Amino acid sequence: MDPVIVVGAGPVGLALALALARHEVPTVVLDEGSGLCPEGPRSVVLGADTTAFLTRIGYSRAVSDSALWDSFAIWRRRQEVLRIDLTDSPTFHLPQHRLQRGLRDALTGTPLVRLVPLNRVVELEQDRDGVSVRTVGTQDGSTTWWRGSHLVGCDGARSTVRKLLRIRFPGRPAVDRNAIATVRVDLPFDGARLHREPPWRGDREASARP
């Protein structure tokens, strides 16, 4: 049985490989990077159904690794003007590097999943029986052909797979200016807060999230 070829070892690609492994489907996960996400201010917001899915496919720490977000308060000039109760549909904040690390740990010892870092996809061919993918090693320039039953592009907004298939991105990027920082600090409040400027001072806001 030829494996499913997954391009991209981010959260989506790793979760897909885990889910397929639970159904006894082998996968090869190709990634042009190291496959490791550096620590930094990159967060993932997960709903309760998503954390349940991650737990089901093998990432048992999905909830314990996350910070629960069950309320949201809006402040102006040190005054609370609105509080939103999210207990009926709480979300979980999880740093992306921790999510990817947890998914990779869940893949450890899974013989049905093969992770192949430092290989960039440069060519693909399809036929009635499956797909062939050519990669080039990002460090040594070596060329490898991979054979699979299916190919799934999980390589982000600038997807190489989509470009090779000449599939246009149907959406458009949002234009926003943001400054994001990750800090460890004891805040004088629980949950998340949003500090927003009055309308006459411009559309600016700062949020603190778990």
Protein backbone atom coordinates (compact mmCIF):
# COMPACT_ATOMS: atom_id res chain seq x y z
CA MET A 1 0.00 0.00 0.00
CA ASP A 2 1.50 3.30 -1.10
CA PRO A 3 1.51 5.96 1.62
CA VAL A 4 -0.31 9.26 1.55
CA ILE A 5 2.25 12.01 0.95
CA VAL A 6 1.72 15.02 3.21
CA VAL A 7 3.64 18.19 2.38
CA GLY A 8 4.17 20.38 5.44
CA ALA A 9 5.06 19.35 9.00
CA GLY A 10 3.07 22.09 10.69
CA PRO A 11 0.07 21.51 12.96
CA VAL A 12 -2.24 20.58 10.07
CA GLY A 13 0.14 18.13 8.42
CA LEU A 14 1.12 16.43 11.68
CA ALA A 15 -2.50 16.16 12.84
CA LEU A 16 -3.50 14.67 9.49
CA ALA A 17 -0.70 12.09 9.70
CA LEU A 18 -1.83 11.12 13.21
CA ALA A 19 -5.47 10.85 12.14
CA LEU A 20 -4.59 8.67 9.14
CA ALA A 21 -2.39 6.44 11.30
CA ARG A 22 -5.38 5.73 13.55
CA HIS A 23 -7.08 4.33 10.44
CA GLU A 24 -4.01 2.22 9.55
CA VAL A 25 -3.09 4.48 6.61
CA PRO A 26 0.67 5.05 6.20
CA THR A 27 1.97 8.56 5.49
CA VAL A 28 5.19 10.29 4.50
CA VAL A 29 5.41 13.87 5.79
CA LEU A 30 7.77 16.07 3.75
CA ASP A 31 8.96 19.46 5.00
CA GLU A 32 11.60 21.79 3.60
CA GLY A 33 12.47 23.03 7.09
CA SER A 34 13.63 21.18 10.14
CA GLY A 35 10.03 20.45 11.07
CA LEU A 36 10.51 22.21 14.40
CA CYS A 37 8.68 25.44 15.21
CA PRO A 38 10.88 27.98 17.03
CA GLU A 39 9.56 29.39 20.28
CA GLY A 40 8.01 32.79 19.78
CA PRO A 41 4.82 34.85 19.84
CA ARG A 42 2.81 32.59 17.58
CA SER A 43 -0.35 31.30 19.20
CA VAL A 44 -3.11 28.91 18.21
CA VAL A 45 -6.67 29.35 19.45
CA LEU A 46 -8.50 26.03 19.72
CA GLY A 47 -12.16 25.33 20.29
CA ALA A 48 -13.35 22.57 22.60
CA ASP A 49 -14.16 20.34 19.62
CA THR A 50 -10.64 20.78 18.23
CA THR A 51 -8.96 19.91 21.52
CA ALA A 52 -11.20 16.84 21.74
CA PHE A 53 -10.11 15.84 18.22
CA LEU A 54 -6.42 16.28 19.09
CA THR A 55 -6.87 14.17 22.21
CA ARG A 56 -8.65 11.50 20.19
CA ILE A 57 -5.86 11.17 17.62
CA GLY A 58 -3.17 10.82 20.28
CA TYR A 59 -2.16 14.27 21.56
CA SER A 60 -3.39 13.63 25.11
CA ARG A 61 -1.86 16.85 26.51
CA ALA A 62 -3.87 19.15 24.24
CA VAL A 63 -5.93 20.53 27.15
CA SER A 64 -3.26 20.52 29.87
CA ASP A 65 -0.75 22.30 27.59
CA SER A 66 -3.27 25.07 26.88
CA ALA A 67 -4.51 28.12 28.76
CA LEU A 68 -8.29 28.23 29.16
CA TRP A 69 -10.00 31.39 27.90
CA ASP A 70 -13.52 31.57 29.33
CA SER A 71 -14.12 35.32 29.62
CA PHE A 72 -13.16 38.53 27.86
CA ALA A 73 -13.21 42.04 29.33
CA ILE A 74 -12.97 45.37 27.48
CA TRP A 75 -11.41 48.25 29.39
CA ARG A 76 -11.06 51.97 28.72
CA ARG A 77 -9.19 54.35 30.99
CA ARG A 78 -8.93 51.70 33.72
CA GLN A 79 -12.67 51.17 33.63
CA GLU A 80 -14.30 47.89 32.64
CA VAL A 81 -16.97 48.70 30.05
CA LEU A 82 -17.92 45.21 28.90
CA ARG A 83 -17.39 41.61 29.98
CA ILE A 84 -18.15 38.67 27.71
CA ASP A 85 -18.80 35.29 29.30
CA LEU A 86 -17.36 32.45 27.21
CA THR A 87 -17.96 29.58 29.62
CA ASP A 88 -20.55 28.01 27.30
CA SER A 89 -18.02 27.90 24.45
CA PRO A 90 -14.54 28.28 25.95
CA THR A 91 -11.42 28.38 23.82
CA PHE A 92 -7.89 27.26 24.56
CA HIS A 93 -4.73 29.26 23.81
CA LEU A 94 -1.74 27.15 22.90
CA PRO A 95 1.66 28.35 21.60
CA GLN A 96 2.24 26.88 18.16
CA HIS A 97 5.66 25.50 19.07
CA ARG A 98 4.10 23.61 21.97
CA LEU A 99 1.32 22.28 19.74
CA GLN A 100 3.78 21.03 17.12
CA ARG A 101 6.01 19.51 19.79
CA GLY A 102 3.03 17.68 21.28
CA LEU A 103 1.97 16.34 17.90
CA ARG A 104 5.52 15.19 17.11
CA ASP A 105 5.72 13.46 20.50
CA ALA A 106 2.45 11.70 19.70
CA LEU A 107 3.99 10.49 16.43
CA THR A 108 6.99 8.97 18.21
CA GLY A 109 6.87 5.23 17.88
CA THR A 110 4.20 5.33 15.18
CA PRO A 111 5.58 3.10 12.41
CA LEU A 112 2.91 4.25 9.95
CA VAL A 113 4.27 7.82 9.86
CA ARG A 114 7.63 8.81 8.39
CA LEU A 115 8.83 12.39 8.92
CA VAL A 116 11.25 13.66 6.27
CA PRO A 117 12.61 17.15 7.07
CA LEU A 118 14.91 19.33 4.96
CA ASN A 119 13.37 18.25 1.65
CA ARG A 120 11.70 20.76 -0.66
CA VAL A 121 9.04 19.65 -3.13
CA VAL A 122 9.92 20.80 -6.66
CA GLU A 123 7.89 18.58 -8.98
CA LEU A 124 4.86 16.32 -8.96
CA GLU A 125 3.20 13.98 -11.42
CA GLN A 126 -0.24 12.37 -11.27
CA ASP A 127 -1.58 9.24 -12.94
CA ARG A 128 -4.58 6.97 -12.49
CA ASP A 129 -2.82 4.95 -9.77
CA GLY A 130 -1.40 7.72 -7.61
CA VAL A 131 1.12 10.53 -7.48
CA SER A 132 4.90 10.91 -7.74
CA VAL A 133 6.73 13.74 -5.97
CA ARG A 134 10.31 14.90 -6.47
CA THR A 135 12.14 16.62 -3.64
CA VAL A 136 15.52 18.31 -3.36
CA GLY A 137 17.46 18.21 -0.12
CA THR A 138 17.85 21.71 1.27
CA GLN A 139 21.29 20.91 2.70
CA ASP A 140 22.96 18.51 0.27
CA GLY A 141 20.96 19.10 -2.94
CA SER A 142 20.15 15.40 -3.30
CA THR A 143 17.12 14.44 -5.39
CA THR A 144 14.52 11.90 -4.28
CA TRP A 145 11.34 10.62 -5.92
CA TRP A 146 8.47 9.62 -3.65
CA ARG A 147 5.49 7.51 -4.64
CA GLY A 148 2.12 7.83 -2.94
CA SER A 149 -1.55 7.01 -3.31
CA HIS A 150 -2.55 10.62 -2.64
CA LEU A 151 -0.87 13.99 -2.06
CA VAL A 152 -2.09 16.52 0.51
CA GLY A 153 -0.71 20.06 0.59
CA CYS A 154 -0.47 21.30 4.18
CA ASP A 155 2.25 23.81 3.42
CA GLY A 156 0.52 27.07 4.23
CA ALA A 157 -0.72 30.15 2.43
CA ARG A 158 2.24 30.15 0.01
CA SER A 159 1.73 26.47 -0.76
CA THR A 160 4.21 24.94 -3.20
CA VAL A 161 1.74 22.14 -3.89
CA ARG A 162 -0.95 24.59 -4.90
CA LYS A 163 1.48 26.46 -7.17
CA LEU A 164 2.61 23.25 -8.89
CA LEU A 165 -1.03 22.34 -9.48
CA ARG A 166 -1.77 25.91 -10.63
CA ILE A 167 -4.54 26.30 -8.09
CA ARG A 168 -5.09 29.93 -7.19
CA PHE A 169 -5.67 31.03 -3.62
CA PRO A 170 -9.34 32.09 -3.54
CA GLY A 171 -9.04 34.46 -0.61
CA ARG A 172 -7.15 37.65 0.02
CA PRO A 173 -4.82 38.62 2.86
CA ALA A 174 -6.07 40.81 5.67
CA VAL A 175 -4.15 44.06 6.04
CA ASP A 176 -3.38 44.68 9.71
CA ARG A 177 -0.50 46.10 11.68
CA ASN A 178 0.28 44.14 14.81
CA ALA A 179 3.04 43.96 17.36
CA ILE A 180 3.07 40.68 19.28
CA ALA A 181 5.19 39.74 22.27
CA THR A 182 5.31 36.74 24.57
CA VAL A 183 5.99 37.59 28.20
CA ARG A 184 5.88 35.79 31.53
CA VAL A 185 4.31 38.08 34.09
CA ASP A 186 1.92 38.04 37.04
CA LEU A 187 -1.04 40.14 35.91
CA PRO A 188 -3.49 41.70 38.39
CA PHE A 189 -6.42 40.01 36.64
CA ASP A 190 -7.52 36.64 35.30
CA GLY A 191 -8.46 35.68 31.77
CA ALA A 192 -8.11 38.06 28.85
CA ARG A 193 -8.53 41.82 28.55
CA LEU A 194 -8.77 44.22 25.67
CA HIS A 195 -7.74 47.87 26.10
CA ARG A 196 -9.24 49.95 23.32
CA GLU A 197 -8.74 53.61 22.45
CA PRO A 198 -11.80 55.87 22.12
CA PRO A 199 -12.96 56.28 18.49
CA TRP A 200 -11.71 59.86 18.27
CA ARG A 201 -8.16 58.73 19.10
CA GLY A 202 -7.89 56.19 16.32
CA ASP A 203 -8.62 52.51 15.89
CA ARG A 204 -6.02 51.10 18.27
CA GLU A 205 -6.20 48.36 20.83
CA ALA A 206 -4.01 46.17 22.99
CA SER A 207 -4.99 42.78 24.33
CA ALA A 208 -3.60 40.51 27.03
CA ARG A 209 -4.39 36.84 26.57
CA PRO A 210 -3.41 33.71 28.47
